[in-house]
C-alpha atoms as a PDB file:
ATOM      1  CA  MET A   1       0.000   0.000   0.000  1.00  0.00           C
ATOM      2  CA  ILE A   2       1.294   3.454  -0.954  1.00  0.00           C
ATOM      3  CA  ILE A   3       0.229   6.121   1.513  1.00  0.00           C
ATOM      4  CA  GLU A   4      -0.594   9.689   0.490  1.00  0.00           C
ATOM      5  CA  SER A   5       2.511  11.270   2.005  1.00  0.00           C
ATOM      6  CA  VAL A   6       4.742   9.071  -0.198  1.00  0.00           C
ATOM      7  CA  LYS A   7       2.952  10.174  -3.377  1.00  0.00           C
ATOM      8  CA  ASN A   8       3.226  13.812  -2.330  1.00  0.00           C
ATOM      9  CA  ALA A   9       6.913  13.473  -1.416  1.00  0.00           C
ATOM     10  CA  PHE A  10       7.817  12.503  -4.995  1.00  0.00           C
ATOM     11  CA  GLY A  11       5.213  14.759  -6.613  1.00  0.00           C
ATOM     12  CA  PHE A  12       3.343  11.795  -8.068  1.00  0.00           C
ATOM     13  CA  SER A  13      -0.331  11.916  -9.105  1.00  0.00           C
ATOM     14  CA  ILE A  14      -0.758   8.143  -9.121  1.00  0.00           C
ATOM     15  CA  ILE A  15      -3.790   6.689 -10.873  1.00  0.00           C
ATOM     16  CA  GLU A  16      -2.543   3.080 -10.882  1.00  0.00           C
ATOM     17  CA  ALA A  17       0.002   1.100  -8.864  1.00  0.00           C
ATOM     18  CA  LYS A  18       0.970  -2.472  -9.785  1.00  0.00           C
ATOM     19  CA  PRO A  19       3.081  -4.458  -7.305  1.00  0.00           C
ATOM     20  CA  LEU A  20       6.106  -6.313  -8.701  1.00  0.00           C
ATOM     21  CA  THR A  21       6.180  -9.712  -7.028  1.00  0.00           C
ATOM     22  CA  THR A  22       9.569 -11.034  -8.171  1.00  0.00           C
ATOM     23  CA  GLY A  23      11.730  -9.261  -5.561  1.00  0.00           C
ATOM     24  CA  LEU A  24      12.360 -11.050  -2.275  1.00  0.00           C
ATOM     25  CA  ILE A  25      13.602  -8.148  -0.157  1.00  0.00           C
ATOM     26  CA  ASN A  26      12.040  -4.780  -1.041  1.00  0.00           C
ATOM     27  CA  SER A  27       8.419  -3.925  -1.936  1.00  0.00           C
ATOM     28  CA  THR A  28       8.254  -2.510  -5.460  1.00  0.00           C
ATOM     29  CA  PHE A  29       5.446  -0.909  -7.480  1.00  0.00           C
ATOM     30  CA  ILE A  30       5.109   0.277 -11.075  1.00  0.00           C
ATOM     31  CA  VAL A  31       3.131   3.492 -10.717  1.00  0.00           C
ATOM     32  CA  SER A  32       1.343   5.411 -13.467  1.00  0.00           C
ATOM     33  CA  ASN A  33       0.744   9.145 -13.165  1.00  0.00           C
ATOM     34  CA  GLN A  34      -2.104  11.183 -14.616  1.00  0.00           C
ATOM     35  CA  ASP A  35       0.305  12.583 -17.222  1.00  0.00           C
ATOM     36  CA  GLY A  36       1.021   9.055 -18.493  1.00  0.00           C
ATOM     37  CA  GLN A  37       4.528   8.841 -17.007  1.00  0.00           C
ATOM     38  CA  GLN A  38       5.491   5.613 -15.242  1.00  0.00           C
ATOM     39  CA  TYR A  39       7.968   5.163 -12.400  1.00  0.00           C
ATOM     40  CA  LEU A  40       9.262   2.473 -10.072  1.00  0.00           C
ATOM     41  CA  LEU A  41       8.405   3.242  -6.463  1.00  0.00           C
ATOM     42  CA  GLN A  42      10.108   1.081  -3.869  1.00  0.00           C
ATOM     43  CA  LYS A  43       9.903   0.627  -0.117  1.00  0.00           C
ATOM     44  CA  ILE A  44      13.328  -0.454   1.129  1.00  0.00           C
ATOM     45  CA  ASN A  45      13.539  -3.314   3.622  1.00  0.00           C
ATOM     46  CA  THR A  46      15.517  -1.626   6.388  1.00  0.00           C
ATOM     47  CA  ASN A  47      15.743  -4.888   8.339  1.00  0.00           C
ATOM     48  CA  VAL A  48      18.136  -6.050   5.615  1.00  0.00           C
ATOM     49  CA  PHE A  49      19.595  -2.727   4.496  1.00  0.00           C
ATOM     50  CA  LYS A  50      20.359  -0.827   7.695  1.00  0.00           C
ATOM     51  CA  ASN A  51      21.760   2.209   5.871  1.00  0.00           C
ATOM     52  CA  PRO A  52      19.548   2.882   2.831  1.00  0.00           C
ATOM     53  CA  LEU A  53      21.225   6.221   2.131  1.00  0.00           C
ATOM     54  CA  ALA A  54      24.492   4.336   1.468  1.00  0.00           C
ATOM     55  CA  ILE A  55      22.705   2.334  -1.250  1.00  0.00           C
ATOM     56  CA  GLN A  56      21.531   5.525  -2.925  1.00  0.00           C
ATOM     57  CA  GLU A  57      24.905   7.242  -2.702  1.00  0.00           C
ATOM     58  CA  ASN A  58      26.658   4.164  -4.129  1.00  0.00           C
ATOM     59  CA  TYR A  59      24.138   4.121  -6.979  1.00  0.00           C
ATOM     60  CA  GLN A  60      24.827   7.762  -7.828  1.00  0.00           C
ATOM     61  CA  LEU A  61      28.592   7.167  -7.928  1.00  0.00           C
ATOM     62  CA  ILE A  62      28.256   4.043 -10.081  1.00  0.00           C
ATOM     63  CA  GLN A  63      25.729   5.626 -12.437  1.00  0.00           C
ATOM     64  CA  ALA A  64      27.912   8.699 -13.006  1.00  0.00           C
ATOM     65  CA  HIS A  65      31.025   6.585 -13.619  1.00  0.00           C
ATOM     66  CA  LEU A  66      29.274   4.306 -16.135  1.00  0.00           C
ATOM     67  CA  LEU A  67      27.848   7.347 -17.923  1.00  0.00           C
ATOM     68  CA  HIS A  68      31.336   8.836 -18.169  1.00  0.00           C
ATOM     69  CA  LYS A  69      32.606   5.512 -19.577  1.00  0.00           C
ATOM     70  CA  GLU A  70      29.709   5.475 -22.091  1.00  0.00           C
ATOM     71  CA  SER A  71      28.764   2.100 -20.640  1.00  0.00           C
ATOM     72  CA  PHE A  72      25.377   0.951 -19.305  1.00  0.00           C
ATOM     73  CA  LYS A  73      22.715   3.616 -18.886  1.00  0.00           C
ATOM     74  CA  LEU A  74      21.130   2.796 -15.542  1.00  0.00           C
ATOM     75  CA  PRO A  75      17.591   3.897 -14.632  1.00  0.00           C
ATOM     76  CA  GLU A  76      17.602   7.456 -13.278  1.00  0.00           C
ATOM     77  CA  LEU A  77      16.987   8.049  -9.590  1.00  0.00           C
ATOM     78  CA  ILE A  78      13.956  10.272  -8.997  1.00  0.00           C
ATOM     79  CA  LYS A  79      14.529  12.662  -6.120  1.00  0.00           C
ATOM     80  CA  THR A  80      11.777  13.922  -3.832  1.00  0.00           C
ATOM     81  CA  VAL A  81      10.273  17.363  -4.416  1.00  0.00           C
ATOM     82  CA  ASN A  82      12.705  18.555  -1.724  1.00  0.00           C
ATOM     83  CA  GLY A  83      15.672  17.151  -3.650  1.00  0.00           C
ATOM     84  CA  ASP A  84      16.285  14.184  -1.333  1.00  0.00           C
ATOM     85  CA  LEU A  85      17.287  10.667  -2.404  1.00  0.00           C
ATOM     86  CA  LEU A  86      14.884   9.032   0.069  1.00  0.00           C
ATOM     87  CA  PHE A  87      11.612   9.738   1.853  1.00  0.00           C
ATOM     88  CA  THR A  88      10.693   8.385   5.283  1.00  0.00           C
ATOM     89  CA  ASP A  89       6.937   8.155   5.852  1.00  0.00           C
ATOM     90  CA  GLU A  90       5.077   8.642   9.130  1.00  0.00           C
ATOM     91  CA  GLU A  91       5.212   4.895   9.807  1.00  0.00           C
ATOM     92  CA  GLY A  92       9.001   4.784   9.413  1.00  0.00           C
ATOM     93  CA  GLY A  93       8.956   3.263   5.921  1.00  0.00           C
ATOM     94  CA  VAL A  94      11.829   4.364   3.682  1.00  0.00           C
ATOM     95  CA  TRP A  95      10.965   4.994   0.019  1.00  0.00           C
ATOM     96  CA  ARG A  96      12.793   5.772  -3.219  1.00  0.00           C
ATOM     97  CA  ALA A  97      11.815   6.142  -6.856  1.00  0.00           C
ATOM     98  CA  PHE A  98      13.382   5.292 -10.221  1.00  0.00           C
ATOM     99  CA  GLU A  99      12.743   5.993 -13.847  1.00  0.00           C
ATOM    100  CA  TYR A 100      10.748   3.097 -15.351  1.00  0.00           C
ATOM    101  CA  ILE A 101      12.257   1.585 -18.504  1.00  0.00           C
ATOM    102  CA  PRO A 102       9.352   0.761 -20.861  1.00  0.00           C
ATOM    103  CA  ASN A 103       9.262  -2.306 -23.083  1.00  0.00           C
ATOM    104  CA  SER A 104      11.646  -4.203 -20.802  1.00  0.00           C
ATOM    105  CA  TYR A 105      11.580  -7.428 -18.805  1.00  0.00           C
ATOM    106  CA  SER A 106      13.703  -9.584 -16.506  1.00  0.00           C
ATOM    107  CA  PRO A 107      13.585 -13.391 -16.969  1.00  0.00           C
ATOM    108  CA  LEU A 108      13.227 -15.547 -13.871  1.00  0.00           C
ATOM    109  CA  ALA A 109      15.562 -18.314 -15.031  1.00  0.00           C
ATOM    110  CA  SER A 110      18.258 -18.933 -17.602  1.00  0.00           C
ATOM    111  CA  THR A 111      17.099 -21.564 -20.085  1.00  0.00           C
ATOM    112  CA  THR A 112      19.908 -21.624 -22.655  1.00  0.00           C
ATOM    113  CA  VAL A 113      23.701 -21.519 -22.641  1.00  0.00           C
ATOM    114  CA  GLU A 114      23.545 -18.439 -24.870  1.00  0.00           C
ATOM    115  CA  GLU A 115      21.382 -16.628 -22.335  1.00  0.00           C
ATOM    116  CA  ALA A 116      23.653 -17.605 -19.430  1.00  0.00           C
ATOM    117  CA  SER A 117      26.675 -16.433 -21.417  1.00  0.00           C
ATOM    118  CA  LEU A 118      25.026 -13.056 -22.065  1.00  0.00           C
ATOM    119  CA  VAL A 119      24.338 -12.693 -18.344  1.00  0.00           C
ATOM    120  CA  ALA A 120      27.965 -13.486 -17.494  1.00  0.00           C
ATOM    121  CA  GLU A 121      29.185 -10.990 -20.079  1.00  0.00           C
ATOM    122  CA  CYS A 122      26.864  -8.314 -18.684  1.00  0.00           C
ATOM    123  CA  PHE A 123      27.952  -8.685 -15.061  1.00  0.00           C
ATOM    124  CA  GLY A 124      31.589  -8.904 -16.125  1.00  0.00           C
ATOM    125  CA  LYS A 125      31.307  -5.740 -18.222  1.00  0.00           C
ATOM    126  CA  PHE A 126      29.577  -3.993 -15.308  1.00  0.00           C
ATOM    127  CA  SER A 127      32.527  -4.564 -12.964  1.00  0.00           C
ATOM    128  CA  ASN A 128      35.142  -4.108 -15.669  1.00  0.00           C
ATOM    129  CA  ASP A 129      33.693  -0.709 -16.594  1.00  0.00           C
ATOM    130  CA  LEU A 130      33.838   0.352 -12.951  1.00  0.00           C
ATOM    131  CA  THR A 131      37.645   0.127 -13.127  1.00  0.00           C
ATOM    132  CA  GLY A 132      38.954   3.522 -12.123  1.00  0.00           C
ATOM    133  CA  LEU A 133      36.184   4.232  -9.620  1.00  0.00           C
ATOM    134  CA  ASP A 134      37.865   4.547  -6.224  1.00  0.00           C
ATOM    135  CA  THR A 135      36.788   1.533  -4.148  1.00  0.00           C
ATOM    136  CA  SER A 136      37.213   3.564  -0.953  1.00  0.00           C
ATOM    137  CA  LYS A 137      34.245   5.703  -2.033  1.00  0.00           C
ATOM    138  CA  ILE A 138      31.909   2.702  -2.207  1.00  0.00           C
ATOM    139  CA  GLN A 139      30.150   2.107   1.105  1.00  0.00           C
ATOM    140  CA  ALA A 140      29.644  -1.396   2.515  1.00  0.00           C
ATOM    141  CA  VAL A 141      25.892  -1.968   2.513  1.00  0.00           C
ATOM    142  CA  LEU A 142      26.049  -5.576   3.768  1.00  0.00           C
ATOM    143  CA  PRO A 143      29.235  -5.988   5.835  1.00  0.00           C
ATOM    144  CA  GLY A 144      30.466  -9.589   5.835  1.00  0.00           C
ATOM    145  CA  PHE A 145      28.013 -10.624   3.110  1.00  0.00           C
ATOM    146  CA  HIS A 146      30.479 -12.945   1.315  1.00  0.00           C
ATOM    147  CA  ASP A 147      32.860 -13.437   4.243  1.00  0.00           C
ATOM    148  CA  LEU A 148      33.419 -17.198   4.207  1.00  0.00           C
ATOM    149  CA  ALA A 149      35.429 -17.213   7.450  1.00  0.00           C
ATOM    150  CA  TRP A 150      32.531 -15.539   9.268  1.00  0.00           C
ATOM    151  CA  ARG A 151      29.957 -17.914   7.762  1.00  0.00           C
ATOM    152  CA  TYR A 152      32.098 -20.874   8.860  1.00  0.00           C
ATOM    153  CA  GLN A 153      32.304 -19.457  12.382  1.00  0.00           C
ATOM    154  CA  GLN A 154      28.522 -19.100  12.446  1.00  0.00           C
ATOM    155  CA  PHE A 155      28.299 -22.766  11.464  1.00  0.00           C
ATOM    156  CA  GLN A 156      30.699 -23.718  14.272  1.00  0.00           C
ATOM    157  CA  ASP A 157      28.644 -21.703  16.755  1.00  0.00           C
ATOM    158  CA  SER A 158      25.443 -23.436  15.666  1.00  0.00           C
ATOM    159  CA  LEU A 159      26.976 -26.822  16.504  1.00  0.00           C
ATOM    160  CA  GLN A 160      27.251 -25.719  20.132  1.00  0.00           C
ATOM    161  CA  THR A 161      23.549 -24.938  20.483  1.00  0.00           C
ATOM    162  CA  ALA A 162      21.858 -27.354  18.047  1.00  0.00           C
ATOM    163  CA  THR A 163      19.556 -30.046  19.377  1.00  0.00           C
ATOM    164  CA  ALA A 164      20.870 -33.603  19.428  1.00  0.00           C
ATOM    165  CA  GLU A 165      18.078 -34.596  17.056  1.00  0.00           C
ATOM    166  CA  ARG A 166      19.029 -32.036  14.399  1.00  0.00           C
ATOM    167  CA  LYS A 167      22.736 -32.773  14.717  1.00  0.00           C
ATOM    168  CA  GLU A 168      22.067 -36.458  14.227  1.00  0.00           C
ATOM    169  CA  LYS A 169      19.850 -35.807  11.195  1.00  0.00           C
ATOM    170  CA  ALA A 170      22.514 -33.537   9.660  1.00  0.00           C
ATOM    171  CA  ALA A 171      25.552 -35.640  10.629  1.00  0.00           C
ATOM    172  CA  THR A 172      26.537 -36.410   7.031  1.00  0.00           C
ATOM    173  CA  LEU A 173      26.249 -32.758   6.018  1.00  0.00           C
ATOM    174  CA  ILE A 174      28.222 -31.618   9.068  1.00  0.00           C
ATOM    175  CA  SER A 175      30.983 -34.043   8.120  1.00  0.00           C
ATOM    176  CA  LYS A 176      30.925 -32.750   4.548  1.00  0.00           C
ATOM    177  CA  ALA A 177      31.204 -29.162   5.812  1.00  0.00           C
ATOM    178  CA  ASP A 178      34.364 -30.168   7.664  1.00  0.00           C
ATOM    179  CA  ASP A 179      35.754 -31.918   4.582  1.00  0.00           C
ATOM    180  CA  TYR A 180      35.523 -28.654   2.640  1.00  0.00           C
ATOM    181  CA  LYS A 181      37.130 -26.480   5.314  1.00  0.00           C
ATOM    182  CA  TYR A 182      40.168 -26.094   3.042  1.00  0.00           C
ATOM    183  CA  LEU A 183      38.049 -23.534   1.182  1.00  0.00           C
ATOM    184  CA  VAL A 184      38.000 -21.384   4.328  1.00  0.00           C
ATOM    185  CA  ASP A 185      41.790 -21.640   4.515  1.00  0.00           C
ATOM    186  CA  TYR A 186      42.011 -20.556   0.862  1.00  0.00           C
ATOM    187  CA  TYR A 187      39.660 -17.643   1.553  1.00  0.00           C
ATOM    188  CA  ASN A 188      41.775 -16.485   4.501  1.00  0.00           C
ATOM    189  CA  ALA A 189      44.921 -16.654   2.373  1.00  0.00           C
ATOM    190  CA  ILE A 190      43.605 -14.604  -0.547  1.00  0.00           C
ATOM    191  CA  THR A 191      41.983 -11.921   1.591  1.00  0.00           C
ATOM    192  CA  ASN A 192      45.413 -11.231   3.067  1.00  0.00           C
ATOM    193  CA  ASP A 193      47.069 -10.970  -0.363  1.00  0.00           C
ATOM    194  CA  LYS A 194      45.824  -7.639  -1.698  1.00  0.00           C
ATOM    195  CA  GLU A 195      48.425  -7.534  -4.483  1.00  0.00           C
ATOM    196  CA  ASN A 196      47.184 -10.658  -6.231  1.00  0.00           C
ATOM    197  CA  TYR A 197      43.588 -10.503  -4.969  1.00  0.00           C
ATOM    198  CA  PRO A 198      42.544  -6.834  -4.795  1.00  0.00           C
ATOM    199  CA  LEU A 199      39.082  -5.545  -4.017  1.00  0.00           C
ATOM    200  CA  HIS A 200      36.723  -5.041  -6.958  1.00  0.00           C
ATOM    201  CA  ILE A 201      33.361  -3.296  -7.148  1.00  0.00           C
ATOM    202  CA  LEU A 202      30.986  -6.222  -7.690  1.00  0.00           C
ATOM    203  CA  HIS A 203      27.224  -6.654  -8.008  1.00  0.00           C
ATOM    204  CA  HIS A 204      26.994  -9.472  -5.395  1.00  0.00           C
ATOM    205  CA  ASP A 205      23.599 -10.762  -6.580  1.00  0.00           C
ATOM    206  CA  CYS A 206      24.291 -12.104 -10.054  1.00  0.00           C
ATOM    207  CA  LYS A 207      21.223 -13.833 -11.408  1.00  0.00           C
ATOM    208  CA  ILE A 208      19.320 -13.369 -14.633  1.00  0.00           C
ATOM    209  CA  ALA A 209      16.370 -11.820 -12.751  1.00  0.00           C
ATOM    210  CA  ASN A 210      18.639  -8.846 -12.034  1.00  0.00           C
ATOM    211  CA  ILE A 211      19.196  -8.025 -15.694  1.00  0.00           C
ATOM    212  CA  LEU A 212      16.884  -5.895 -17.814  1.00  0.00           C
ATOM    213  CA  PHE A 213      16.252  -7.083 -21.395  1.00  0.00           C
ATOM    214  CA  ASP A 214      14.563  -5.256 -24.274  1.00  0.00           C
ATOM    215  CA  LYS A 215      11.298  -7.028 -25.177  1.00  0.00           C
ATOM    216  CA  ASP A 216      11.739  -6.565 -28.924  1.00  0.00           C
ATOM    217  CA  SER A 217      15.445  -7.096 -29.533  1.00  0.00           C
ATOM    218  CA  LYS A 218      15.947  -9.484 -26.567  1.00  0.00           C
ATOM    219  CA  GLN A 219      19.237  -7.643 -25.988  1.00  0.00           C
ATOM    220  CA  ILE A 220      20.467  -6.637 -22.543  1.00  0.00           C
ATOM    221  CA  ILE A 221      19.753  -3.057 -21.475  1.00  0.00           C
ATOM    222  CA  CYS A 222      21.579  -3.043 -18.135  1.00  0.00           C
ATOM    223  CA  PRO A 223      22.009  -4.827 -14.810  1.00  0.00           C
ATOM    224  CA  VAL A 224      19.541  -3.719 -12.126  1.00  0.00           C
ATOM    225  CA  ASP A 225      18.962  -4.150  -8.389  1.00  0.00           C
ATOM    226  CA  LEU A 226      22.339  -2.713  -7.417  1.00  0.00           C
ATOM    227  CA  ASP A 227      21.510  -2.618  -3.692  1.00  0.00           C
ATOM    228  CA  THR A 228      24.125  -5.267  -2.884  1.00  0.00           C
ATOM    229  CA  THR A 229      26.828  -3.673  -5.043  1.00  0.00           C
ATOM    230  CA  GLN A 230      29.899  -3.131  -2.901  1.00  0.00           C
ATOM    231  CA  ASN A 231      33.578  -4.004  -2.732  1.00  0.00           C
ATOM    232  CA  GLY A 232      34.424  -7.689  -2.790  1.00  0.00           C
ATOM    233  CA  PHE A 233      36.802 -10.364  -3.993  1.00  0.00           C
ATOM    234  CA  PHE A 234      36.990 -11.882  -7.471  1.00  0.00           C
ATOM    235  CA  PHE A 235      34.998 -15.011  -6.614  1.00  0.00           C
ATOM    236  CA  SER A 236      31.696 -13.351  -5.659  1.00  0.00           C
ATOM    237  CA  ASP A 237      29.940 -12.629  -8.953  1.00  0.00           C
ATOM    238  CA  MET A 238      31.363 -15.554 -10.910  1.00  0.00           C
ATOM    239  CA  GLY A 239      30.491 -17.846  -8.006  1.00  0.00           C
ATOM    240  CA  ASP A 240      26.956 -16.467  -7.795  1.00  0.00           C
ATOM    241  CA  MET A 241      26.371 -17.283 -11.450  1.00  0.00           C
ATOM    242  CA  ILE A 242      27.771 -20.804 -11.112  1.00  0.00           C
ATOM    243  CA  ARG A 243      25.472 -21.382  -8.150  1.00  0.00           C
ATOM    244  CA  SER A 244      22.338 -19.941  -9.717  1.00  0.00           C
ATOM    245  CA  MET A 245      22.631 -21.002 -13.362  1.00  0.00           C
ATOM    246  CA  THR A 246      24.582 -24.274 -13.647  1.00  0.00           C
ATOM    247  CA  PRO A 247      22.506 -26.789 -11.623  1.00  0.00           C
ATOM    248  CA  SER A 248      19.854 -28.775 -13.472  1.00  0.00           C
ATOM    249  CA  LEU A 249      17.409 -28.373 -10.572  1.00  0.00           C
ATOM    250  CA  PRO A 250      16.682 -25.349  -8.327  1.00  0.00           C
ATOM    251  CA  GLU A 251      18.027 -25.036  -4.771  1.00  0.00           C
ATOM    252  CA  GLY A 252      14.592 -25.965  -3.415  1.00  0.00           C
ATOM    253  CA  SER A 253      14.606 -29.422  -5.017  1.00  0.00           C
ATOM    254  CA  LYS A 254      14.532 -32.374  -2.599  1.00  0.00           C
ATOM    255  CA  ASP A 255      15.542 -34.829  -5.341  1.00  0.00           C
ATOM    256  CA  ILE A 256      19.214 -34.575  -4.402  1.00  0.00           C
ATOM    257  CA  GLU A 257      20.497 -37.482  -6.475  1.00  0.00           C
ATOM    258  CA  ALA A 258      18.879 -36.081  -9.618  1.00  0.00           C
ATOM    259  CA  ILE A 259      20.858 -32.827  -9.476  1.00  0.00           C
ATOM    260  CA  GLU A 260      23.354 -32.489 -12.305  1.00  0.00           C
ATOM    261  CA  LEU A 261      25.873 -29.828 -13.253  1.00  0.00           C
ATOM    262  CA  ARG A 262      25.123 -28.324 -16.651  1.00  0.00           C
ATOM    263  CA  GLU A 263      28.722 -28.297 -17.824  1.00  0.00           C
ATOM    264  CA  ASP A 264      28.008 -26.330 -21.001  1.00  0.00           C
ATOM    265  CA  PHE A 265      26.449 -23.579 -18.876  1.00  0.00           C
ATOM    266  CA  TYR A 266      29.513 -23.580 -16.615  1.00  0.00           C
ATOM    267  CA  ASN A 267      31.887 -23.266 -19.561  1.00  0.00           C
ATOM    268  CA  GLY A 268      29.816 -20.531 -21.213  1.00  0.00           C
ATOM    269  CA  ILE A 269      29.604 -18.464 -18.026  1.00  0.00           C
ATOM    270  CA  LYS A 270      33.316 -18.832 -17.337  1.00  0.00           C
ATOM    271  CA  LYS A 271      34.397 -17.971 -20.883  1.00  0.00           C
ATOM    272  CA  HIS A 272      32.246 -14.859 -21.237  1.00  0.00           C
ATOM    273  CA  TYR A 273      32.864 -13.568 -17.711  1.00  0.00           C
ATOM    274  CA  LEU A 274      36.631 -13.831 -18.157  1.00  0.00           C
ATOM    275  CA  GLN A 275      36.438 -12.108 -21.543  1.00  0.00           C
ATOM    276  CA  ALA A 276      34.434  -9.234 -20.083  1.00  0.00           C
ATOM    277  CA  MET A 277      36.690  -8.910 -17.013  1.00  0.00           C
ATOM    278  CA  LYS A 278      39.969  -9.037 -18.944  1.00  0.00           C
ATOM    279  CA  ASP A 279      41.043  -5.535 -17.852  1.00  0.00           C
ATOM    280  CA  GLU A 280      40.076  -6.010 -14.215  1.00  0.00           C
ATOM    281  CA  LEU A 281      41.319  -9.423 -13.047  1.00  0.00           C
ATOM    282  CA  THR A 282      44.917 -10.165 -12.052  1.00  0.00           C
ATOM    283  CA  PRO A 283      46.757 -13.202 -13.504  1.00  0.00           C
ATOM    284  CA  LYS A 284      46.302 -15.035 -10.174  1.00  0.00           C
ATOM    285  CA  GLU A 285      42.566 -14.358 -10.171  1.00  0.00           C
ATOM    286  CA  VAL A 286      42.240 -15.707 -13.706  1.00  0.00           C
ATOM    287  CA  GLU A 287      44.263 -18.765 -12.696  1.00  0.00           C
ATOM    288  CA  ASP A 288      41.985 -19.328  -9.675  1.00  0.00           C
ATOM    289  CA  ILE A 289      38.674 -18.582 -11.370  1.00  0.00           C
ATOM    290  CA  ASP A 290      37.352 -22.124 -10.805  1.00  0.00           C
ATOM    291  CA  MET A 291      37.571 -21.504  -7.049  1.00  0.00           C
ATOM    292  CA  ALA A 292      34.737 -18.976  -7.395  1.00  0.00           C
ATOM    293  CA  GLY A 293      31.905 -21.479  -7.724  1.00  0.00           C
ATOM    294  CA  LYS A 294      33.323 -23.666  -4.961  1.00  0.00           C
ATOM    295  CA  ILE A 295      33.509 -20.803  -2.465  1.00  0.00           C
ATOM    296  CA  ILE A 296      30.039 -19.392  -3.111  1.00  0.00           C
ATOM    297  CA  VAL A 297      28.291 -22.781  -3.248  1.00  0.00           C
ATOM    298  CA  TYR A 298      30.097 -23.877  -0.066  1.00  0.00           C
ATOM    299  CA  MET A 299      29.123 -20.615   1.619  1.00  0.00           C
ATOM    300  CA  GLN A 300      25.457 -21.101   0.779  1.00  0.00           C
ATOM    301  CA  SER A 301      25.636 -24.742   1.883  1.00  0.00           C
ATOM    302  CA  LEU A 302      26.948 -23.562   5.253  1.00  0.00           C
ATOM    303  CA  ARG A 303      24.257 -20.895   5.561  1.00  0.00           C
ATOM    304  CA  PHE A 304      21.410 -23.352   4.969  1.00  0.00           C
ATOM    305  CA  LEU A 305      22.989 -25.936   7.287  1.00  0.00           C
ATOM    306  CA  THR A 306      23.609 -23.329   9.989  1.00  0.00           C
ATOM    307  CA  ASP A 307      19.990 -22.180   9.828  1.00  0.00           C
ATOM    308  CA  TYR A 308      18.782 -25.771  10.091  1.00  0.00           C
ATOM    309  CA  LEU A 309      20.947 -26.314  13.179  1.00  0.00           C
ATOM    310  CA  ASN A 310      19.620 -23.027  14.602  1.00  0.00           C
ATOM    311  CA  ASN A 311      16.009 -24.238  14.227  1.00  0.00           C
ATOM    312  CA  ASP A 312      15.221 -22.230  11.086  1.00  0.00           C
ATOM    313  CA  ILE A 313      15.464 -18.667  12.374  1.00  0.00           C
ATOM    314  CA  TYR A 314      16.676 -16.875   9.215  1.00  0.00           C
ATOM    315  CA  TYR A 315      15.308 -18.330   5.985  1.00  0.00           C
ATOM    316  CA  LYS A 316      11.574 -18.692   5.430  1.00  0.00           C
ATOM    317  CA  THR A 317      10.555 -22.342   5.409  1.00  0.00           C
ATOM    318  CA  GLU A 318       7.438 -24.075   4.130  1.00  0.00           C
ATOM    319  CA  TYR A 319       8.036 -27.409   5.866  1.00  0.00           C
ATOM    320  CA  PRO A 320      10.136 -28.514   8.895  1.00  0.00           C
ATOM    321  CA  GLU A 321      13.199 -29.920   7.116  1.00  0.00           C
ATOM    322  CA  GLN A 322      13.402 -27.495   4.208  1.00  0.00           C
ATOM    323  CA  ASN A 323      16.741 -25.986   5.282  1.00  0.00           C
ATOM    324  CA  TYR A 324      18.172 -29.485   5.672  1.00  0.00           C
ATOM    325  CA  PHE A 325      17.215 -30.316   2.069  1.00  0.00           C
ATOM    326  CA  ARG A 326      18.452 -26.934   0.846  1.00  0.00           C
ATOM    327  CA  ALA A 327      21.826 -27.636   2.443  1.00  0.00           C
ATOM    328  CA  ALA A 328      21.930 -31.167   1.014  1.00  0.00           C
ATOM    329  CA  ASN A 329      21.067 -29.746  -2.406  1.00  0.00           C
ATOM    330  CA  GLN A 330      23.914 -27.233  -2.264  1.00  0.00           C
ATOM    331  CA  PHE A 331      26.481 -29.731  -0.976  1.00  0.00           C
ATOM    332  CA  LYS A 332      25.556 -32.007  -3.888  1.00  0.00           C
ATOM    333  CA  LEU A 333      26.147 -29.106  -6.282  1.00  0.00           C
ATOM    334  CA  LEU A 334      29.459 -28.406  -4.556  1.00  0.00           C
ATOM    335  CA  ASP A 335      30.543 -32.028  -5.057  1.00  0.00           C
ATOM    336  CA  LEU A 336      29.698 -31.732  -8.754  1.00  0.00           C
ATOM    337  CA  VAL A 337      31.555 -28.424  -9.210  1.00  0.00           C
ATOM    338  CA  VAL A 338      34.644 -29.775  -7.436  1.00  0.00           C
ATOM    339  CA  GLU A 339      34.620 -32.949  -9.541  1.00  0.00           C
ATOM    340  CA  PHE A 340      34.167 -31.010 -12.793  1.00  0.00           C
ATOM    341  CA  THR A 341      36.996 -28.554 -12.089  1.00  0.00           C
ATOM    342  CA  LYS A 342      39.614 -31.087 -10.963  1.00  0.00           C
END
């Protein structure tokens, strides 16, 4: 629901508001004004994003840099009538508005290798074109988001408080988590080697649903949903794409043994991401690129397993053992990625 003060804050004369249901975090509406103009109006989830102004300021910096590079043209931010980037309503809700790009769409899933390759090229070009933008100016919107050492510590902590019943049920997965601890050691090593593994400005939520396509040409317009964009290490975006686009079944599938790695998708993503990131990655990062999928898939495996051991306090669940099956699903994918990249 959009309250009157929000409409007034942005100077909108809304005659229609359609909710977009694809986003999992923020509440988003396509609004139509009396003059025929359309905008995206969004209520930011401040439980997730504690500092929404940082998101807006990062967006402005990134947008200006890409414009200067004659790269992607991102949707324009619409300021309030007072010239502010955000509006806080009387109930404490934090709102922002964007230009709406007509005749565009975002697919929910990648169905072909060609599509996955385009996505990889887009996210790679996005980061590559941000070369030259001072990373110290980009604010951390989700501190520790892809910090594998921290996620492993959370897993260790959950073992101390988990019920005997859940630990017994998850014994095989707990053992598997320990088997892959060498990935934590690798993570700790690279994060202390800034020469070979520098910080990059990365999207941090690389899935096809976060890319805008033109309905007629089917060509990519630009990446969207930049809320998670912040500094990170080389593995984050590549790893995200391996996790989200290479498995034959979604992360919610309970048919663990049926999960397969779509190797042609993996190869297409890797090839096009590396091509697009050629000016940004160091020789060591290129050499280690196959570690990306392992780290991100392992991290998500740990997060699902940790939440299961913590009695499902973070992720929404639809049945009692859903986080257990999610973790099993991701560990299966991890096994497949490790085997494929030997």
